[in-house]
Amino acid sequence: MRNLSRIREKKGLKKGIILLYGGIDSTVTLYLAKKYGYKLVALIFDYGQKHRKEIIHAQRIAFLNRLEYYLIRLNLGWVKSSLVSKKREIPLNRDLNSSIVPSTYVAGRNIIFLSYAVSLAETKGASDIFIGAHTQDYSGYPDCRPQFLSKFEEAINLGIVHPSIKITAPLIDKDKKEIIKLGLKLGVPFHLTWSCYKGKDRPCLKCDSCRFRINAFKELGLVDPLLTKRVRKRWKRK
């Protein structure tokens, strides 16, 4: 598994596949990969998530960066995650330091997504698959852990014709505050990203994703661009 330092070692045009969700992490990863010379193709997934709004934001970001992208529609009807199941509510005001796997965990999600990326990478001749996994993810989501990503990389290269694909997680050692700080340096349009799990017209401010995001901006002395007065006024007019 590649990290940030290993990206820096290799400049020049290279092909990469990025898992693009429309949130902060995958968008910062996209801009970082572009900085280091990667020509990217994006994979965007519609898996029945309640926050389907992230799909629109991912497409906008892909369009802004003139990326070729594929929208993959999946039926994960058996999944019991509160992100998908109509019978379960998104948890609000949860203890963010809890070691319990949250109900928003989608069984095998990254295994599924990365498998699609492997097929696309081998077809396109891409050397790297980019994923925005980071420390606050892998504390609750086992399929974001560096150990998993490393082992999965080993496994995929045993099952393809040209075993040279790397899974690249350049944010793996960073928290949300550090990721946003990096994104600001890269010129990431955070106002085009979406994080809220509830996926309504405006952020709920209470789900895990909203709170991690808002807290990180606050720690940097900033207001989340989705919560500025201009944006709030636009929401009120709806």
C-alpha atoms as a PDB file:
ATOM      1  CA  MET A   1       0.000   0.000   0.000  1.00  0.00           C
ATOM      2  CA  ARG A   2       1.387   3.389  -0.996  1.00  0.00           C
ATOM      3  CA  ASN A   3       1.328   6.377   1.326  1.00  0.00           C
ATOM      4  CA  LEU A   4       1.902  10.085   0.716  1.00  0.00           C
ATOM      5  CA  SER A   5       5.716   9.908   0.762  1.00  0.00           C
ATOM      6  CA  ARG A   6       5.762   7.234  -1.921  1.00  0.00           C
ATOM      7  CA  ILE A   7       3.581   9.352  -4.200  1.00  0.00           C
ATOM      8  CA  ARG A   8       6.114  12.147  -3.889  1.00  0.00           C
ATOM      9  CA  GLU A   9       8.876   9.880  -5.112  1.00  0.00           C
ATOM     10  CA  LYS A  10       7.318   9.487  -8.550  1.00  0.00           C
ATOM     11  CA  LYS A  11       6.374  12.483 -10.666  1.00  0.00           C
ATOM     12  CA  GLY A  12       5.201  12.508 -14.257  1.00  0.00           C
ATOM     13  CA  LEU A  13       1.988  11.381 -15.927  1.00  0.00           C
ATOM     14  CA  LYS A  14       0.623   8.160 -14.478  1.00  0.00           C
ATOM     15  CA  LYS A  15      -2.817   6.581 -14.632  1.00  0.00           C
ATOM     16  CA  GLY A  16      -4.904   6.116 -11.504  1.00  0.00           C
ATOM     17  CA  ILE A  17      -8.404   5.100 -10.451  1.00  0.00           C
ATOM     18  CA  ILE A  18     -10.056   7.025  -7.624  1.00  0.00           C
ATOM     19  CA  LEU A  19     -13.015   6.032  -5.477  1.00  0.00           C
ATOM     20  CA  LEU A  20     -14.915   9.316  -5.471  1.00  0.00           C
ATOM     21  CA  TYR A  21     -17.715   9.763  -2.943  1.00  0.00           C
ATOM     22  CA  GLY A  22     -18.213  13.536  -3.066  1.00  0.00           C
ATOM     23  CA  GLY A  23     -17.003  14.112   0.501  1.00  0.00           C
ATOM     24  CA  ILE A  24     -13.932  15.811   1.906  1.00  0.00           C
ATOM     25  CA  ASP A  25     -11.615  12.801   2.052  1.00  0.00           C
ATOM     26  CA  SER A  26     -11.986  11.472  -1.479  1.00  0.00           C
ATOM     27  CA  THR A  27     -11.946  14.997  -2.931  1.00  0.00           C
ATOM     28  CA  VAL A  28      -8.713  15.941  -1.160  1.00  0.00           C
ATOM     29  CA  THR A  29      -7.255  12.616  -2.319  1.00  0.00           C
ATOM     30  CA  LEU A  30      -8.247  13.481  -5.893  1.00  0.00           C
ATOM     31  CA  TYR A  31      -6.535  16.878  -5.765  1.00  0.00           C
ATOM     32  CA  LEU A  32      -3.431  15.398  -4.173  1.00  0.00           C
ATOM     33  CA  ALA A  33      -3.154  12.700  -6.841  1.00  0.00           C
ATOM     34  CA  LYS A  34      -3.560  15.326  -9.568  1.00  0.00           C
ATOM     35  CA  LYS A  35      -0.797  17.398  -7.999  1.00  0.00           C
ATOM     36  CA  TYR A  36       1.593  14.487  -8.336  1.00  0.00           C
ATOM     37  CA  GLY A  37       0.877  13.911 -11.985  1.00  0.00           C
ATOM     38  CA  TYR A  38      -1.849  11.280 -12.078  1.00  0.00           C
ATOM     39  CA  LYS A  39      -4.414  11.158 -14.848  1.00  0.00           C
ATOM     40  CA  LEU A  40      -7.458   9.858 -13.015  1.00  0.00           C
ATOM     41  CA  VAL A  41     -10.612   7.951 -13.820  1.00  0.00           C
ATOM     42  CA  ALA A  42     -13.268   8.102 -11.091  1.00  0.00           C
ATOM     43  CA  LEU A  43     -15.629   5.455  -9.800  1.00  0.00           C
ATOM     44  CA  ILE A  44     -18.827   6.781  -8.194  1.00  0.00           C
ATOM     45  CA  PHE A  45     -21.175   4.351  -6.466  1.00  0.00           C
ATOM     46  CA  ASP A  46     -24.931   4.337  -6.027  1.00  0.00           C
ATOM     47  CA  TYR A  47     -25.557   1.540  -3.537  1.00  0.00           C
ATOM     48  CA  GLY A  48     -28.894   2.720  -2.182  1.00  0.00           C
ATOM     49  CA  GLN A  49     -27.338   5.035   0.401  1.00  0.00           C
ATOM     50  CA  LYS A  50     -29.669   7.474   2.146  1.00  0.00           C
ATOM     51  CA  HIS A  51     -27.236  10.300   1.484  1.00  0.00           C
ATOM     52  CA  ARG A  52     -27.651   9.923  -2.274  1.00  0.00           C
ATOM     53  CA  LYS A  53     -26.879  13.611  -2.515  1.00  0.00           C
ATOM     54  CA  GLU A  54     -23.192  12.662  -2.332  1.00  0.00           C
ATOM     55  CA  ILE A  55     -23.520  11.138  -5.814  1.00  0.00           C
ATOM     56  CA  ILE A  56     -24.464  14.517  -7.289  1.00  0.00           C
ATOM     57  CA  HIS A  57     -21.567  16.197  -5.509  1.00  0.00           C
ATOM     58  CA  ALA A  58     -19.135  13.527  -6.699  1.00  0.00           C
ATOM     59  CA  GLN A  59     -20.303  14.052 -10.285  1.00  0.00           C
ATOM     60  CA  ARG A  60     -19.867  17.828  -9.944  1.00  0.00           C
ATOM     61  CA  ILE A  61     -16.323  17.381  -8.667  1.00  0.00           C
ATOM     62  CA  ALA A  62     -15.511  14.958 -11.482  1.00  0.00           C
ATOM     63  CA  PHE A  63     -16.934  17.400 -14.039  1.00  0.00           C
ATOM     64  CA  LEU A  64     -14.999  20.322 -12.535  1.00  0.00           C
ATOM     65  CA  ASN A  65     -11.768  18.338 -12.859  1.00  0.00           C
ATOM     66  CA  ARG A  66     -12.665  17.015 -16.318  1.00  0.00           C
ATOM     67  CA  LEU A  67     -12.441  13.430 -15.163  1.00  0.00           C
ATOM     68  CA  GLU A  68     -13.821  10.452 -16.973  1.00  0.00           C
ATOM     69  CA  TYR A  69     -16.043   8.640 -14.490  1.00  0.00           C
ATOM     70  CA  TYR A  70     -18.247   5.592 -14.155  1.00  0.00           C
ATOM     71  CA  LEU A  71     -21.398   5.561 -12.039  1.00  0.00           C
ATOM     72  CA  ILE A  72     -21.854   2.043 -10.666  1.00  0.00           C
ATOM     73  CA  ARG A  73     -25.321   1.064  -9.423  1.00  0.00           C
ATOM     74  CA  LEU A  74     -25.387  -1.744  -6.885  1.00  0.00           C
ATOM     75  CA  ASN A  75     -28.195  -3.528  -5.095  1.00  0.00           C
ATOM     76  CA  LEU A  76     -27.070  -4.242  -1.541  1.00  0.00           C
ATOM     77  CA  GLY A  77     -30.561  -4.997  -0.310  1.00  0.00           C
ATOM     78  CA  TRP A  78     -29.320  -7.541   2.218  1.00  0.00           C
ATOM     79  CA  VAL A  79     -27.200  -4.975   4.073  1.00  0.00           C
ATOM     80  CA  LYS A  80     -28.469  -3.976   7.529  1.00  0.00           C
ATOM     81  CA  SER A  81     -26.497  -0.722   7.731  1.00  0.00           C
ATOM     82  CA  SER A  82     -28.421   2.367   8.794  1.00  0.00           C
ATOM     83  CA  LEU A  83     -26.935   4.062   5.710  1.00  0.00           C
ATOM     84  CA  VAL A  84     -29.032   1.761   3.537  1.00  0.00           C
ATOM     85  CA  SER A  85     -31.821   0.143   5.554  1.00  0.00           C
ATOM     86  CA  LYS A  86     -35.142   1.992   5.744  1.00  0.00           C
ATOM     87  CA  LYS A  87     -35.813   0.223   9.037  1.00  0.00           C
ATOM     88  CA  ARG A  88     -32.853   1.791  10.840  1.00  0.00           C
ATOM     89  CA  GLU A  89     -32.257   5.436  11.691  1.00  0.00           C
ATOM     90  CA  ILE A  90     -28.932   7.212  11.213  1.00  0.00           C
ATOM     91  CA  PRO A  91     -27.407   7.587  14.711  1.00  0.00           C
ATOM     92  CA  LEU A  92     -27.239  11.192  15.933  1.00  0.00           C
ATOM     93  CA  ASN A  93     -25.037  12.774  18.614  1.00  0.00           C
ATOM     94  CA  ARG A  94     -23.127   9.510  19.039  1.00  0.00           C
ATOM     95  CA  ASP A  95     -19.961   9.378  21.143  1.00  0.00           C
ATOM     96  CA  LEU A  96     -17.310  10.052  18.500  1.00  0.00           C
ATOM     97  CA  ASN A  97     -14.634   8.386  20.631  1.00  0.00           C
ATOM     98  CA  SER A  98     -16.545   5.124  20.926  1.00  0.00           C
ATOM     99  CA  SER A  99     -14.707   1.972  19.809  1.00  0.00           C
ATOM    100  CA  ILE A 100     -17.988   0.293  18.850  1.00  0.00           C
ATOM    101  CA  VAL A 101     -18.466  -0.192  15.101  1.00  0.00           C
ATOM    102  CA  PRO A 102     -21.268   2.259  14.194  1.00  0.00           C
ATOM    103  CA  SER A 103     -24.512   1.160  12.562  1.00  0.00           C
ATOM    104  CA  THR A 104     -23.450   3.141   9.481  1.00  0.00           C
ATOM    105  CA  TYR A 105     -20.904   0.429   8.691  1.00  0.00           C
ATOM    106  CA  VAL A 106     -21.817  -1.221   5.367  1.00  0.00           C
ATOM    107  CA  ALA A 107     -20.693  -4.849   5.314  1.00  0.00           C
ATOM    108  CA  GLY A 108     -17.825  -5.326   2.862  1.00  0.00           C
ATOM    109  CA  ARG A 109     -18.338  -1.966   1.156  1.00  0.00           C
ATOM    110  CA  ASN A 110     -14.707  -1.178   0.432  1.00  0.00           C
ATOM    111  CA  ILE A 111     -14.041  -4.756  -0.585  1.00  0.00           C
ATOM    112  CA  ILE A 112     -16.783  -4.400  -3.202  1.00  0.00           C
ATOM    113  CA  PHE A 113     -15.727  -0.926  -4.339  1.00  0.00           C
ATOM    114  CA  LEU A 114     -12.032  -1.791  -4.557  1.00  0.00           C
ATOM    115  CA  SER A 115     -12.852  -4.916  -6.565  1.00  0.00           C
ATOM    116  CA  TYR A 116     -14.548  -2.766  -9.193  1.00  0.00           C
ATOM    117  CA  ALA A 117     -11.530  -0.451  -9.120  1.00  0.00           C
ATOM    118  CA  VAL A 118      -9.163  -3.381  -9.698  1.00  0.00           C
ATOM    119  CA  SER A 119     -11.064  -4.440 -12.815  1.00  0.00           C
ATOM    120  CA  LEU A 120     -11.068  -0.874 -14.128  1.00  0.00           C
ATOM    121  CA  ALA A 121      -7.389  -0.339 -13.278  1.00  0.00           C
ATOM    122  CA  GLU A 122      -6.302  -3.510 -15.062  1.00  0.00           C
ATOM    123  CA  THR A 123      -8.404  -2.573 -18.100  1.00  0.00           C
ATOM    124  CA  LYS A 124      -7.127   1.026 -18.223  1.00  0.00           C
ATOM    125  CA  GLY A 125      -3.525   0.147 -17.430  1.00  0.00           C
ATOM    126  CA  ALA A 126      -3.630   2.214 -14.225  1.00  0.00           C
ATOM    127  CA  SER A 127      -0.869   1.755 -11.668  1.00  0.00           C
ATOM    128  CA  ASP A 128      -2.706   3.054  -8.582  1.00  0.00           C
ATOM    129  CA  ILE A 129      -6.115   2.843  -6.971  1.00  0.00           C
ATOM    130  CA  PHE A 130      -6.733   5.863  -4.724  1.00  0.00           C
ATOM    131  CA  ILE A 131      -8.912   5.689  -1.629  1.00  0.00           C
ATOM    132  CA  GLY A 132      -9.449   8.433   0.961  1.00  0.00           C
ATOM    133  CA  ALA A 133      -9.314   6.199   4.050  1.00  0.00           C
ATOM    134  CA  HIS A 134      -7.876   7.855   7.169  1.00  0.00           C
ATOM    135  CA  THR A 135      -7.426   7.419  10.932  1.00  0.00           C
ATOM    136  CA  GLN A 136     -10.929   8.450  11.984  1.00  0.00           C
ATOM    137  CA  ASP A 137     -12.342   5.964   9.477  1.00  0.00           C
ATOM    138  CA  TYR A 138     -10.415   2.881  10.451  1.00  0.00           C
ATOM    139  CA  SER A 139     -11.186   3.295  14.148  1.00  0.00           C
ATOM    140  CA  GLY A 140     -14.782   2.316  13.335  1.00  0.00           C
ATOM    141  CA  TYR A 141     -14.705   0.824   9.856  1.00  0.00           C
ATOM    142  CA  PRO A 142     -12.518  -2.293   9.563  1.00  0.00           C
ATOM    143  CA  ASP A 143     -12.337  -2.080   5.768  1.00  0.00           C
ATOM    144  CA  CYS A 144     -10.481   1.249   6.037  1.00  0.00           C
ATOM    145  CA  ARG A 145      -7.612  -0.075   8.160  1.00  0.00           C
ATOM    146  CA  PRO A 146      -4.095   0.011   6.680  1.00  0.00           C
ATOM    147  CA  GLN A 147      -3.637  -3.681   7.468  1.00  0.00           C
ATOM    148  CA  PHE A 148      -6.668  -4.525   5.346  1.00  0.00           C
ATOM    149  CA  LEU A 149      -5.573  -2.308   2.464  1.00  0.00           C
ATOM    150  CA  SER A 150      -2.090  -3.847   2.442  1.00  0.00           C
ATOM    151  CA  LYS A 151      -3.391  -7.414   2.480  1.00  0.00           C
ATOM    152  CA  PHE A 152      -6.035  -6.647  -0.134  1.00  0.00           C
ATOM    153  CA  GLU A 153      -3.328  -5.246  -2.400  1.00  0.00           C
ATOM    154  CA  GLU A 154      -1.387  -8.484  -2.035  1.00  0.00           C
ATOM    155  CA  ALA A 155      -4.486 -10.525  -2.844  1.00  0.00           C
ATOM    156  CA  ILE A 156      -5.514  -8.628  -5.969  1.00  0.00           C
ATOM    157  CA  ASN A 157      -2.048  -8.883  -7.473  1.00  0.00           C
ATOM    158  CA  LEU A 158      -2.257 -12.658  -7.171  1.00  0.00           C
ATOM    159  CA  GLY A 159      -5.384 -12.653  -9.290  1.00  0.00           C
ATOM    160  CA  ILE A 160      -4.594 -10.360 -12.244  1.00  0.00           C
ATOM    161  CA  VAL A 161      -2.529 -10.774 -15.398  1.00  0.00           C
ATOM    162  CA  HIS A 162      -0.125  -7.916 -14.721  1.00  0.00           C
ATOM    163  CA  PRO A 163       0.457  -7.835 -10.927  1.00  0.00           C
ATOM    164  CA  SER A 164       1.568  -4.246 -10.478  1.00  0.00           C
ATOM    165  CA  ILE A 165      -1.447  -2.378  -9.049  1.00  0.00           C
ATOM    166  CA  LYS A 166      -0.970  -0.409  -5.835  1.00  0.00           C
ATOM    167  CA  ILE A 167      -3.693   0.672  -3.434  1.00  0.00           C
ATOM    168  CA  THR A 168      -2.798   4.228  -2.494  1.00  0.00           C
ATOM    169  CA  ALA A 169      -4.204   5.789   0.674  1.00  0.00           C
ATOM    170  CA  PRO A 170      -2.327   9.098   1.016  1.00  0.00           C
ATOM    171  CA  LEU A 171      -4.444  10.310   3.965  1.00  0.00           C
ATOM    172  CA  ILE A 172      -4.162   7.130   6.017  1.00  0.00           C
ATOM    173  CA  ASP A 173      -2.193   8.770   8.859  1.00  0.00           C
ATOM    174  CA  LYS A 174      -4.226  11.990   8.971  1.00  0.00           C
ATOM    175  CA  ASP A 175      -7.316  13.095  10.879  1.00  0.00           C
ATOM    176  CA  LYS A 176     -10.063  15.314   9.468  1.00  0.00           C
ATOM    177  CA  LYS A 177      -8.408  18.544  10.601  1.00  0.00           C
ATOM    178  CA  GLU A 178      -5.147  17.639   8.870  1.00  0.00           C
ATOM    179  CA  ILE A 179      -7.020  16.572   5.743  1.00  0.00           C
ATOM    180  CA  ILE A 180      -8.885  19.884   5.498  1.00  0.00           C
ATOM    181  CA  LYS A 181      -5.661  21.803   6.103  1.00  0.00           C
ATOM    182  CA  LEU A 182      -4.041  19.911   3.232  1.00  0.00           C
ATOM    183  CA  GLY A 183      -7.086  20.491   1.055  1.00  0.00           C
ATOM    184  CA  LEU A 184      -6.902  24.235   1.626  1.00  0.00           C
ATOM    185  CA  LYS A 185      -3.327  24.224   0.324  1.00  0.00           C
ATOM    186  CA  LEU A 186      -4.432  22.255  -2.726  1.00  0.00           C
ATOM    187  CA  GLY A 187      -7.343  24.584  -3.495  1.00  0.00           C
ATOM    188  CA  VAL A 188     -10.049  21.993  -2.876  1.00  0.00           C
ATOM    189  CA  PRO A 189     -13.563  23.462  -3.393  1.00  0.00           C
ATOM    190  CA  PHE A 190     -14.990  22.308  -0.070  1.00  0.00           C
ATOM    191  CA  HIS A 191     -18.262  24.089  -0.818  1.00  0.00           C
ATOM    192  CA  LEU A 192     -18.895  21.457  -3.501  1.00  0.00           C
ATOM    193  CA  THR A 193     -18.398  18.511  -1.139  1.00  0.00           C
ATOM    194  CA  TRP A 194     -21.090  16.731   0.852  1.00  0.00           C
ATOM    195  CA  SER A 195     -20.692  14.718   4.062  1.00  0.00           C
ATOM    196  CA  CYS A 196     -24.027  14.447   5.896  1.00  0.00           C
ATOM    197  CA  TYR A 197     -25.338  10.892   6.196  1.00  0.00           C
ATOM    198  CA  LYS A 198     -28.971  11.972   6.201  1.00  0.00           C
ATOM    199  CA  GLY A 199     -28.684  13.523   2.749  1.00  0.00           C
ATOM    200  CA  LYS A 200     -31.426  16.125   3.138  1.00  0.00           C
ATOM    201  CA  ASP A 201     -31.400  19.647   1.687  1.00  0.00           C
ATOM    202  CA  ARG A 202     -28.949  20.798   4.341  1.00  0.00           C
ATOM    203  CA  PRO A 203     -26.511  19.113   6.748  1.00  0.00           C
ATOM    204  CA  CYS A 204     -28.187  17.673   9.854  1.00  0.00           C
ATOM    205  CA  LEU A 205     -25.227  18.765  12.057  1.00  0.00           C
ATOM    206  CA  LYS A 206     -25.748  15.722  14.316  1.00  0.00           C
ATOM    207  CA  CYS A 207     -24.587  12.619  12.456  1.00  0.00           C
ATOM    208  CA  ASP A 208     -21.005  11.405  12.866  1.00  0.00           C
ATOM    209  CA  SER A 209     -19.933  12.694   9.470  1.00  0.00           C
ATOM    210  CA  CYS A 210     -21.327  16.196  10.049  1.00  0.00           C
ATOM    211  CA  ARG A 211     -19.757  16.475  13.480  1.00  0.00           C
ATOM    212  CA  PHE A 212     -16.292  15.299  12.394  1.00  0.00           C
ATOM    213  CA  ARG A 213     -16.428  17.806   9.561  1.00  0.00           C
ATOM    214  CA  ILE A 214     -17.732  20.786  11.538  1.00  0.00           C
ATOM    215  CA  ASN A 215     -15.362  20.172  14.443  1.00  0.00           C
ATOM    216  CA  ALA A 216     -12.360  20.005  12.118  1.00  0.00           C
ATOM    217  CA  PHE A 217     -13.185  23.330  10.484  1.00  0.00           C
ATOM    218  CA  LYS A 218     -13.679  24.876  13.938  1.00  0.00           C
ATOM    219  CA  GLU A 219     -10.299  23.587  15.128  1.00  0.00           C
ATOM    220  CA  LEU A 220      -8.755  25.409  12.178  1.00  0.00           C
ATOM    221  CA  GLY A 221     -10.609  28.606  13.129  1.00  0.00           C
ATOM    222  CA  LEU A 222     -12.855  28.308  10.081  1.00  0.00           C
ATOM    223  CA  VAL A 223     -16.549  27.917   9.311  1.00  0.00           C
ATOM    224  CA  ASP A 224     -17.569  24.970   7.173  1.00  0.00           C
ATOM    225  CA  PRO A 225     -18.375  26.575   3.783  1.00  0.00           C
ATOM    226  CA  LEU A 226     -21.667  24.657   3.759  1.00  0.00           C
ATOM    227  CA  LEU A 227     -22.670  26.595   6.880  1.00  0.00           C
ATOM    228  CA  THR A 228     -21.802  30.134   5.798  1.00  0.00           C
ATOM    229  CA  LYS A 229     -24.466  32.856   5.923  1.00  0.00           C
ATOM    230  CA  ARG A 230     -24.708  32.913   2.134  1.00  0.00           C
ATOM    231  CA  VAL A 231     -25.442  29.199   1.936  1.00  0.00           C
ATOM    232  CA  ARG A 232     -27.868  29.311   4.895  1.00  0.00           C
ATOM    233  CA  LYS A 233     -29.831  32.091   3.166  1.00  0.00           C
ATOM    234  CA  ARG A 234     -30.058  29.996   0.033  1.00  0.00           C
ATOM    235  CA  TRP A 235     -31.457  27.068   2.034  1.00  0.00           C
ATOM    236  CA  LYS A 236     -34.052  29.305   3.695  1.00  0.00           C
ATOM    237  CA  ARG A 237     -35.357  30.341   0.287  1.00  0.00           C
ATOM    238  CA  LYS A 238     -36.073  26.711  -0.629  1.00  0.00           C
END
